[in-house]
C-alpha cells in the first residue's frame, strides 16, 4: 500500500464506528491538513455506504487535529438507489474535530459530460515552478509534488499579485493515482489564496464543501484557486480540479480565517 493509502486507512470496529491513526507527515507545524482529514473521514463514509463515491461533502473543522489515534463515527441519514447521506464525525479524545455531511453516489467513468466549460489557462507543466530545493523536508511538502504557475507565486518573494489566486499542478509523491480520496486532499492542497493579498501565516479552514464531479484519469491534477472577498478577518477560496485528460473532476469552496502569526512568506 502507498504512503497515502496507509495514512488514510481506517479499521472498522463495529457498524458505524471506525479507528484511524492520523499521520504527522500530512500536516504543517500548526496542524494536520484539512484535505487529509477529509480523505481519512471519507474512507469510513464510503465503507459504510452502498455507493462508491463521495459526491458531496460539507465539512466543519471544529478543532485542530493532532497526529495519533482518532475515531470516526458514521450515522446514516438516508440511503436510496442513487445516493445515500450520512453524518460523519472524526473525534480525538472524545471531542469532535471534523463534523461532516457526506452524500455518496456511484459515478460511471465511461459517461461523457453533456456539457462542460473550458479549463482556464494554465502554463504547461514544464513551464511551471518547482520550489523543491532537493533538501530533505518533512510534513505535507514531502508527501506531494507541486508545480506552480509563477504568476501566482509573487507572495513568496514579498511581491503578492494583490489578487486572491493560486494555480498549480499536483500529485502525490508516492505516485498514488488520483481517486476520490486524493481529490479530497487536492481541494485543500494549494497555499491559501489570501497569501497573494499580503496576508502571511496560518489560515485555518472553518468550513469546506466539495463535490466530486467525475472519476479522475491517472496523472497530474491541475488546481485552480480563486477568491471573491477578503473581509473582516475572513476569506473564501474556490478550487477547481482538472485531471490529465482535461476533465473537471472536483470543485470546492471553503471559508477560512485570514492568515495570522507571521510577517514572512513561506512555502510548506
C-alpha atoms as a PDB file:
ATOM      1  CA  UNK A   1       0.000   0.000   0.000  1.00  0.00           C
ATOM      2  CA  UNK A   2       1.184   3.546  -0.736  1.00  0.00           C
ATOM      3  CA  UNK A   3       2.087   6.032   1.988  1.00  0.00           C
ATOM      4  CA  UNK A   4      -1.109   7.969   1.308  1.00  0.00           C
ATOM      5  CA  UNK A   5      -3.167   4.775   1.401  1.00  0.00           C
ATOM      6  CA  UNK A   6      -1.650   3.796   4.729  1.00  0.00           C
ATOM      7  CA  UNK A   7      -2.016   7.293   6.162  1.00  0.00           C
ATOM      8  CA  UNK A   8      -5.745   7.444   5.348  1.00  0.00           C
ATOM      9  CA  UNK A   9      -6.601   3.823   6.185  1.00  0.00           C
ATOM     10  CA  UNK A  10      -9.443   3.129   8.607  1.00  0.00           C
ATOM     11  CA  UNK A  11     -10.315  -0.021  10.550  1.00  0.00           C
ATOM     12  CA  UNK A  12     -13.927  -0.952  11.130  1.00  0.00           C
ATOM     13  CA  UNK A  13     -14.583  -1.663  14.813  1.00  0.00           C
ATOM     14  CA  UNK A  14     -18.322  -2.170  14.537  1.00  0.00           C
ATOM     15  CA  UNK A  15     -21.159  -0.876  12.388  1.00  0.00           C
ATOM     16  CA  UNK A  16     -20.772   2.877  12.057  1.00  0.00           C
ATOM     17  CA  UNK A  17     -17.573   3.065  14.106  1.00  0.00           C
ATOM     18  CA  UNK A  18     -14.002   3.174  12.756  1.00  0.00           C
ATOM     19  CA  UNK A  19     -10.476   3.671  14.027  1.00  0.00           C
ATOM     20  CA  UNK A  20      -7.732   5.660  12.286  1.00  0.00           C
ATOM     21  CA  UNK A  21      -4.144   6.646  13.023  1.00  0.00           C
ATOM     22  CA  UNK A  22      -3.539  10.205  11.827  1.00  0.00           C
ATOM     23  CA  UNK A  23      -0.133  10.671  10.224  1.00  0.00           C
ATOM     24  CA  UNK A  24       2.028  13.653  11.217  1.00  0.00           C
ATOM     25  CA  UNK A  25       3.604  13.696   7.747  1.00  0.00           C
ATOM     26  CA  UNK A  26       0.368  15.106   6.281  1.00  0.00           C
ATOM     27  CA  UNK A  27       0.500  18.263   8.324  1.00  0.00           C
ATOM     28  CA  UNK A  28       2.290  21.528   8.880  1.00  0.00           C
ATOM     29  CA  UNK A  29       3.710  22.971  12.077  1.00  0.00           C
ATOM     30  CA  UNK A  30       0.320  24.056  13.340  1.00  0.00           C
ATOM     31  CA  UNK A  31      -1.993  21.212  12.366  1.00  0.00           C
ATOM     32  CA  UNK A  32      -2.845  18.356  10.039  1.00  0.00           C
ATOM     33  CA  UNK A  33      -4.035  19.315   6.562  1.00  0.00           C
ATOM     34  CA  UNK A  34      -7.811  19.601   6.253  1.00  0.00           C
ATOM     35  CA  UNK A  35      -7.926  17.734   2.948  1.00  0.00           C
ATOM     36  CA  UNK A  36      -6.030  14.847   4.535  1.00  0.00           C
ATOM     37  CA  UNK A  37      -8.559  14.735   7.379  1.00  0.00           C
ATOM     38  CA  UNK A  38     -11.417  14.662   4.863  1.00  0.00           C
ATOM     39  CA  UNK A  39      -9.765  11.857   2.891  1.00  0.00           C
ATOM     40  CA  UNK A  40      -9.496   9.759   6.056  1.00  0.00           C
ATOM     41  CA  UNK A  41     -13.042  10.534   7.122  1.00  0.00           C
ATOM     42  CA  UNK A  42     -14.341   9.683   3.640  1.00  0.00           C
ATOM     43  CA  UNK A  43     -12.720   6.240   3.728  1.00  0.00           C
ATOM     44  CA  UNK A  44     -15.111   5.396   6.539  1.00  0.00           C
ATOM     45  CA  UNK A  45     -18.087   7.108   4.886  1.00  0.00           C
ATOM     46  CA  UNK A  46     -17.659   5.110   1.662  1.00  0.00           C
ATOM     47  CA  UNK A  47     -17.055   1.853   3.522  1.00  0.00           C
ATOM     48  CA  UNK A  48     -20.352   2.313   5.349  1.00  0.00           C
ATOM     49  CA  UNK A  49     -22.264   3.315   2.200  1.00  0.00           C
ATOM     50  CA  UNK A  50     -23.904   1.230  -0.541  1.00  0.00           C
ATOM     51  CA  UNK A  51     -22.309   3.643  -3.048  1.00  0.00           C
ATOM     52  CA  UNK A  52     -18.711   4.007  -4.170  1.00  0.00           C
ATOM     53  CA  UNK A  53     -18.006   7.747  -4.390  1.00  0.00           C
ATOM     54  CA  UNK A  54     -18.350  10.769  -2.071  1.00  0.00           C
ATOM     55  CA  UNK A  55     -20.122  13.097  -4.494  1.00  0.00           C
ATOM     56  CA  UNK A  56     -20.800  15.898  -1.982  1.00  0.00           C
ATOM     57  CA  UNK A  57     -19.021  16.649   1.285  1.00  0.00           C
ATOM     58  CA  UNK A  58     -19.607  19.568   3.632  1.00  0.00           C
ATOM     59  CA  UNK A  59     -17.101  19.592   6.487  1.00  0.00           C
ATOM     60  CA  UNK A  60     -16.839  21.861   9.520  1.00  0.00           C
ATOM     61  CA  UNK A  61     -13.412  21.979  11.150  1.00  0.00           C
ATOM     62  CA  UNK A  62     -14.064  22.367  14.857  1.00  0.00           C
ATOM     63  CA  UNK A  63     -10.661  21.831  16.437  1.00  0.00           C
ATOM     64  CA  UNK A  64      -7.043  21.412  15.427  1.00  0.00           C
ATOM     65  CA  UNK A  65      -6.330  17.746  14.666  1.00  0.00           C
ATOM     66  CA  UNK A  66      -3.135  16.220  16.008  1.00  0.00           C
ATOM     67  CA  UNK A  67      -1.217  13.126  14.873  1.00  0.00           C
ATOM     68  CA  UNK A  68      -2.224   9.896  16.584  1.00  0.00           C
ATOM     69  CA  UNK A  69      -5.351   7.828  17.222  1.00  0.00           C
ATOM     70  CA  UNK A  70      -8.743   9.041  16.059  1.00  0.00           C
ATOM     71  CA  UNK A  71     -12.238   7.617  15.909  1.00  0.00           C
ATOM     72  CA  UNK A  72     -14.724   8.087  13.086  1.00  0.00           C
ATOM     73  CA  UNK A  73     -18.473   7.736  13.577  1.00  0.00           C
ATOM     74  CA  UNK A  74     -20.806   7.267  10.601  1.00  0.00           C
ATOM     75  CA  UNK A  75     -24.522   7.905  11.199  1.00  0.00           C
ATOM     76  CA  UNK A  76     -26.674   7.099   8.140  1.00  0.00           C
ATOM     77  CA  UNK A  77     -29.435   9.597   7.407  1.00  0.00           C
ATOM     78  CA  UNK A  78     -30.905   8.217   4.188  1.00  0.00           C
ATOM     79  CA  UNK A  79     -29.979   5.550   1.653  1.00  0.00           C
ATOM     80  CA  UNK A  80     -31.513   5.438  -1.824  1.00  0.00           C
ATOM     81  CA  UNK A  81     -30.862   3.838  -5.190  1.00  0.00           C
ATOM     82  CA  UNK A  82     -28.739   6.714  -6.492  1.00  0.00           C
ATOM     83  CA  UNK A  83     -27.496   8.445  -3.347  1.00  0.00           C
ATOM     84  CA  UNK A  84     -27.010   7.975   0.376  1.00  0.00           C
ATOM     85  CA  UNK A  85     -26.383  10.605   3.024  1.00  0.00           C
ATOM     86  CA  UNK A  86     -24.642  10.261   6.383  1.00  0.00           C
ATOM     87  CA  UNK A  87     -23.311  12.411   9.165  1.00  0.00           C
ATOM     88  CA  UNK A  88     -19.646  11.582   9.665  1.00  0.00           C
ATOM     89  CA  UNK A  89     -17.569  12.802  12.605  1.00  0.00           C
ATOM     90  CA  UNK A  90     -13.859  12.492  13.312  1.00  0.00           C
ATOM     91  CA  UNK A  91     -13.056  12.553  17.024  1.00  0.00           C
ATOM     92  CA  UNK A  92      -9.934  12.717  19.161  1.00  0.00           C
ATOM     93  CA  UNK A  93     -10.148  12.321  22.915  1.00  0.00           C
ATOM     94  CA  UNK A  94     -13.956  12.045  22.631  1.00  0.00           C
ATOM     95  CA  UNK A  95     -14.103  15.561  21.174  1.00  0.00           C
ATOM     96  CA  UNK A  96     -15.295  16.192  17.598  1.00  0.00           C
ATOM     97  CA  UNK A  97     -12.526  17.562  15.367  1.00  0.00           C
ATOM     98  CA  UNK A  98     -14.304  17.446  11.984  1.00  0.00           C
ATOM     99  CA  UNK A  99     -18.065  17.135  11.559  1.00  0.00           C
ATOM    100  CA  UNK A 100     -19.273  16.445   8.023  1.00  0.00           C
ATOM    101  CA  UNK A 101     -22.335  15.653   5.985  1.00  0.00           C
ATOM    102  CA  UNK A 102     -21.419  13.259   3.178  1.00  0.00           C
ATOM    103  CA  UNK A 103     -23.553  12.244   0.211  1.00  0.00           C
ATOM    104  CA  UNK A 104     -22.318   9.210  -1.690  1.00  0.00           C
ATOM    105  CA  UNK A 105     -23.249   8.020  -5.166  1.00  0.00           C
ATOM    106  CA  UNK A 106     -21.763   5.813  -7.853  1.00  0.00           C
ATOM    107  CA  UNK A 107     -20.143   7.586 -10.796  1.00  0.00           C
ATOM    108  CA  UNK A 108     -19.576   5.958 -14.193  1.00  0.00           C
ATOM    109  CA  UNK A 109     -16.113   6.576 -15.611  1.00  0.00           C
ATOM    110  CA  UNK A 110     -17.329   5.908 -19.158  1.00  0.00           C
ATOM    111  CA  UNK A 111     -20.041   8.588 -19.226  1.00  0.00           C
ATOM    112  CA  UNK A 112     -19.099  11.724 -21.173  1.00  0.00           C
ATOM    113  CA  UNK A 113     -20.291  15.129 -19.938  1.00  0.00           C
ATOM    114  CA  UNK A 114     -23.384  16.542 -21.618  1.00  0.00           C
ATOM    115  CA  UNK A 115     -21.715  19.958 -21.387  1.00  0.00           C
ATOM    116  CA  UNK A 116     -18.548  21.310 -19.785  1.00  0.00           C
ATOM    117  CA  UNK A 117     -16.794  24.640 -19.660  1.00  0.00           C
ATOM    118  CA  UNK A 118     -13.211  25.125 -20.777  1.00  0.00           C
ATOM    119  CA  UNK A 119     -10.363  24.853 -18.330  1.00  0.00           C
ATOM    120  CA  UNK A 120      -8.941  28.289 -17.507  1.00  0.00           C
ATOM    121  CA  UNK A 121      -5.478  28.975 -18.887  1.00  0.00           C
ATOM    122  CA  UNK A 122      -2.586  27.221 -17.185  1.00  0.00           C
ATOM    123  CA  UNK A 123       1.064  27.195 -18.320  1.00  0.00           C
ATOM    124  CA  UNK A 124       2.470  23.868 -19.487  1.00  0.00           C
ATOM    125  CA  UNK A 125       3.841  21.651 -16.737  1.00  0.00           C
ATOM    126  CA  UNK A 126       7.436  22.179 -17.883  1.00  0.00           C
ATOM    127  CA  UNK A 127       6.983  25.961 -17.676  1.00  0.00           C
ATOM    128  CA  UNK A 128       5.832  25.916 -14.064  1.00  0.00           C
ATOM    129  CA  UNK A 129       7.996  26.457 -10.992  1.00  0.00           C
ATOM    130  CA  UNK A 130       9.267  23.689  -8.752  1.00  0.00           C
ATOM    131  CA  UNK A 131      10.304  25.041  -5.361  1.00  0.00           C
ATOM    132  CA  UNK A 132      11.770  21.735  -4.231  1.00  0.00           C
ATOM    133  CA  UNK A 133      15.350  22.512  -3.183  1.00  0.00           C
ATOM    134  CA  UNK A 134      16.326  18.851  -3.112  1.00  0.00           C
ATOM    135  CA  UNK A 135      16.935  19.029   0.630  1.00  0.00           C
ATOM    136  CA  UNK A 136      15.045  16.627   2.929  1.00  0.00           C
ATOM    137  CA  UNK A 137      11.715  18.073   4.009  1.00  0.00           C
ATOM    138  CA  UNK A 138       9.161  16.826   6.488  1.00  0.00           C
ATOM    139  CA  UNK A 139       5.430  17.145   6.579  1.00  0.00           C
ATOM    140  CA  UNK A 140       2.947  17.836   3.820  1.00  0.00           C
ATOM    141  CA  UNK A 141       5.501  19.262   1.388  1.00  0.00           C
ATOM    142  CA  UNK A 142       7.383  15.960   1.426  1.00  0.00           C
ATOM    143  CA  UNK A 143       4.264  13.928   0.591  1.00  0.00           C
ATOM    144  CA  UNK A 144       3.188  15.845  -2.506  1.00  0.00           C
ATOM    145  CA  UNK A 145       4.718  17.165  -5.725  1.00  0.00           C
ATOM    146  CA  UNK A 146       3.533  20.574  -6.848  1.00  0.00           C
ATOM    147  CA  UNK A 147       4.435  22.680  -9.880  1.00  0.00           C
ATOM    148  CA  UNK A 148       3.264  26.282  -9.514  1.00  0.00           C
ATOM    149  CA  UNK A 149       2.216  28.904 -12.016  1.00  0.00           C
ATOM    150  CA  UNK A 150       4.868  31.547 -11.321  1.00  0.00           C
ATOM    151  CA  UNK A 151       2.331  34.331 -11.922  1.00  0.00           C
ATOM    152  CA  UNK A 152       0.552  33.335  -8.690  1.00  0.00           C
ATOM    153  CA  UNK A 153       3.650  32.925  -6.500  1.00  0.00           C
ATOM    154  CA  UNK A 154       4.865  36.517  -6.180  1.00  0.00           C
ATOM    155  CA  UNK A 155       3.902  36.478  -2.492  1.00  0.00           C
ATOM    156  CA  UNK A 156       6.823  34.142  -1.818  1.00  0.00           C
ATOM    157  CA  UNK A 157       9.250  36.941  -2.755  1.00  0.00           C
ATOM    158  CA  UNK A 158       7.248  39.613  -0.962  1.00  0.00           C
ATOM    159  CA  UNK A 159       5.574  40.730  -4.197  1.00  0.00           C
ATOM    160  CA  UNK A 160       1.975  39.441  -3.985  1.00  0.00           C
ATOM    161  CA  UNK A 161      -0.194  39.988  -7.043  1.00  0.00           C
ATOM    162  CA  UNK A 162      -2.922  41.665  -4.989  1.00  0.00           C
ATOM    163  CA  UNK A 163      -5.495  39.101  -6.173  1.00  0.00           C
ATOM    164  CA  UNK A 164      -6.513  36.056  -4.112  1.00  0.00           C
ATOM    165  CA  UNK A 165      -5.397  33.322  -6.505  1.00  0.00           C
ATOM    166  CA  UNK A 166      -3.261  30.206  -6.850  1.00  0.00           C
ATOM    167  CA  UNK A 167      -2.626  27.712  -9.654  1.00  0.00           C
ATOM    168  CA  UNK A 168      -0.572  24.537  -9.704  1.00  0.00           C
ATOM    169  CA  UNK A 169      -0.145  21.001 -10.972  1.00  0.00           C
ATOM    170  CA  UNK A 170      -0.410  18.438  -8.194  1.00  0.00           C
ATOM    171  CA  UNK A 171       0.185  14.762  -7.475  1.00  0.00           C
ATOM    172  CA  UNK A 172       1.164  12.575  -4.564  1.00  0.00           C
ATOM    173  CA  UNK A 173       4.868  11.899  -4.360  1.00  0.00           C
ATOM    174  CA  UNK A 174       4.326   8.149  -3.892  1.00  0.00           C
ATOM    175  CA  UNK A 175       2.558   8.125  -7.290  1.00  0.00           C
ATOM    176  CA  UNK A 176      -0.784   7.193  -5.750  1.00  0.00           C
ATOM    177  CA  UNK A 177      -3.098   7.678  -8.718  1.00  0.00           C
ATOM    178  CA  UNK A 178      -5.999  10.123  -8.390  1.00  0.00           C
ATOM    179  CA  UNK A 179      -9.220   8.806  -6.888  1.00  0.00           C
ATOM    180  CA  UNK A 180     -11.953  10.195  -4.642  1.00  0.00           C
ATOM    181  CA  UNK A 181      -9.674  10.355  -1.612  1.00  0.00           C
ATOM    182  CA  UNK A 182      -6.815  12.021  -3.484  1.00  0.00           C
ATOM    183  CA  UNK A 183      -9.332  14.612  -4.725  1.00  0.00           C
ATOM    184  CA  UNK A 184     -10.321  15.346  -1.114  1.00  0.00           C
ATOM    185  CA  UNK A 185      -6.663  16.091  -0.449  1.00  0.00           C
ATOM    186  CA  UNK A 186      -6.243  18.098  -3.655  1.00  0.00           C
ATOM    187  CA  UNK A 187      -9.042  20.595  -2.999  1.00  0.00           C
ATOM    188  CA  UNK A 188      -7.170  21.775   0.107  1.00  0.00           C
ATOM    189  CA  UNK A 189      -3.603  21.450  -1.205  1.00  0.00           C
ATOM    190  CA  UNK A 190      -2.885  24.940  -2.578  1.00  0.00           C
ATOM    191  CA  UNK A 191      -1.239  27.601  -0.425  1.00  0.00           C
ATOM    192  CA  UNK A 192      -4.091  29.839   0.799  1.00  0.00           C
ATOM    193  CA  UNK A 193      -5.081  32.248  -1.971  1.00  0.00           C
ATOM    194  CA  UNK A 194      -5.138  35.063   0.590  1.00  0.00           C
ATOM    195  CA  UNK A 195      -1.319  34.989   0.573  1.00  0.00           C
ATOM    196  CA  UNK A 196      -1.483  36.949  -2.665  1.00  0.00           C
ATOM    197  CA  UNK A 197      -3.142  39.813  -0.797  1.00  0.00           C
ATOM    198  CA  UNK A 198      -0.138  40.083   1.547  1.00  0.00           C
ATOM    199  CA  UNK A 199      -1.550  38.095   4.484  1.00  0.00           C
ATOM    200  CA  UNK A 200       1.130  35.645   5.617  1.00  0.00           C
ATOM    201  CA  UNK A 201       0.831  32.832   8.150  1.00  0.00           C
ATOM    202  CA  UNK A 202      -1.560  30.044   9.020  1.00  0.00           C
ATOM    203  CA  UNK A 203      -5.081  30.389   7.578  1.00  0.00           C
ATOM    204  CA  UNK A 204      -7.327  27.846   9.332  1.00  0.00           C
ATOM    205  CA  UNK A 205     -10.265  26.485   7.363  1.00  0.00           C
ATOM    206  CA  UNK A 206     -13.610  26.812   9.151  1.00  0.00           C
ATOM    207  CA  UNK A 207     -15.887  25.128   6.585  1.00  0.00           C
ATOM    208  CA  UNK A 208     -15.193  23.394   3.282  1.00  0.00           C
ATOM    209  CA  UNK A 209     -17.685  21.985   0.804  1.00  0.00           C
ATOM    210  CA  UNK A 210     -16.523  19.993  -2.186  1.00  0.00           C
ATOM    211  CA  UNK A 211     -18.110  17.992  -4.988  1.00  0.00           C
ATOM    212  CA  UNK A 212     -16.647  15.038  -6.848  1.00  0.00           C
ATOM    213  CA  UNK A 213     -17.799  15.543 -10.432  1.00  0.00           C
ATOM    214  CA  UNK A 214     -16.096  12.664 -12.266  1.00  0.00           C
ATOM    215  CA  UNK A 215     -13.657   9.797 -11.803  1.00  0.00           C
ATOM    216  CA  UNK A 216     -10.187  11.237 -12.491  1.00  0.00           C
ATOM    217  CA  UNK A 217      -7.773   9.878 -15.088  1.00  0.00           C
ATOM    218  CA  UNK A 218      -4.266   8.867 -13.962  1.00  0.00           C
ATOM    219  CA  UNK A 219      -1.564  11.511 -13.861  1.00  0.00           C
ATOM    220  CA  UNK A 220      -1.148  15.094 -12.703  1.00  0.00           C
ATOM    221  CA  UNK A 221      -4.103  17.088 -11.409  1.00  0.00           C
ATOM    222  CA  UNK A 222      -4.470  20.790 -12.159  1.00  0.00           C
ATOM    223  CA  UNK A 223      -5.581  23.006  -9.263  1.00  0.00           C
ATOM    224  CA  UNK A 224      -7.069  26.424  -9.986  1.00  0.00           C
ATOM    225  CA  UNK A 225      -7.817  28.537  -6.929  1.00  0.00           C
ATOM    226  CA  UNK A 226      -9.546  31.918  -6.661  1.00  0.00           C
ATOM    227  CA  UNK A 227     -11.220  34.075  -4.035  1.00  0.00           C
ATOM    228  CA  UNK A 228     -14.016  36.613  -4.166  1.00  0.00           C
ATOM    229  CA  UNK A 229     -13.826  38.536  -0.896  1.00  0.00           C
ATOM    230  CA  UNK A 230     -11.365  39.191   1.927  1.00  0.00           C
ATOM    231  CA  UNK A 231     -13.209  40.999   4.696  1.00  0.00           C
ATOM    232  CA  UNK A 232     -13.167  41.403   8.474  1.00  0.00           C
ATOM    233  CA  UNK A 233     -10.717  38.574   9.057  1.00  0.00           C
ATOM    234  CA  UNK A 234     -12.438  36.085   6.713  1.00  0.00           C
ATOM    235  CA  UNK A 235     -11.846  34.971   3.140  1.00  0.00           C
ATOM    236  CA  UNK A 236     -13.331  32.469   0.713  1.00  0.00           C
ATOM    237  CA  UNK A 237     -11.435  30.139  -1.594  1.00  0.00           C
ATOM    238  CA  UNK A 238     -12.824  28.307  -4.628  1.00  0.00           C
ATOM    239  CA  UNK A 239     -10.826  25.487  -6.215  1.00  0.00           C
ATOM    240  CA  UNK A 240     -11.402  23.615  -9.463  1.00  0.00           C
ATOM    241  CA  UNK A 241      -9.567  20.334 -10.009  1.00  0.00           C
ATOM    242  CA  UNK A 242      -8.991  19.151 -13.582  1.00  0.00           C
ATOM    243  CA  UNK A 243      -7.470  15.779 -14.466  1.00  0.00           C
ATOM    244  CA  UNK A 244      -4.834  14.867 -17.054  1.00  0.00           C
ATOM    245  CA  UNK A 245      -7.490  14.273 -19.708  1.00  0.00           C
ATOM    246  CA  UNK A 246      -8.817  17.824 -19.354  1.00  0.00           C
ATOM    247  CA  UNK A 247     -11.947  16.879 -17.412  1.00  0.00           C
ATOM    248  CA  UNK A 248     -13.284  18.850 -14.449  1.00  0.00           C
ATOM    249  CA  UNK A 249     -13.292  16.252 -11.653  1.00  0.00           C
ATOM    250  CA  UNK A 250     -13.824  18.258  -8.449  1.00  0.00           C
ATOM    251  CA  UNK A 251     -14.964  21.666  -7.214  1.00  0.00           C
ATOM    252  CA  UNK A 252     -14.726  23.185  -3.760  1.00  0.00           C
ATOM    253  CA  UNK A 253     -15.431  26.306  -1.749  1.00  0.00           C
ATOM    254  CA  UNK A 254     -14.117  26.993   1.704  1.00  0.00           C
ATOM    255  CA  UNK A 255     -14.483  29.739   4.276  1.00  0.00           C
ATOM    256  CA  UNK A 256     -11.344  30.437   6.287  1.00  0.00           C
ATOM    257  CA  UNK A 257      -9.767  32.913   8.641  1.00  0.00           C
ATOM    258  CA  UNK A 258      -7.243  35.386   7.247  1.00  0.00           C
ATOM    259  CA  UNK A 259      -3.639  34.290   7.771  1.00  0.00           C
ATOM    260  CA  UNK A 260      -2.134  35.214  11.090  1.00  0.00           C
ATOM    261  CA  UNK A 261       1.005  34.655  13.101  1.00  0.00           C
ATOM    262  CA  UNK A 262       3.739  35.589  10.616  1.00  0.00           C
ATOM    263  CA  UNK A 263       5.022  38.565   8.657  1.00  0.00           C
ATOM    264  CA  UNK A 264       7.254  36.399   6.453  1.00  0.00           C
ATOM    265  CA  UNK A 265       6.018  34.383   3.477  1.00  0.00           C
ATOM    266  CA  UNK A 266       6.991  30.714   3.346  1.00  0.00           C
ATOM    267  CA  UNK A 267       6.056  27.641   1.379  1.00  0.00           C
ATOM    268  CA  UNK A 268       5.316  24.429   3.306  1.00  0.00           C
END
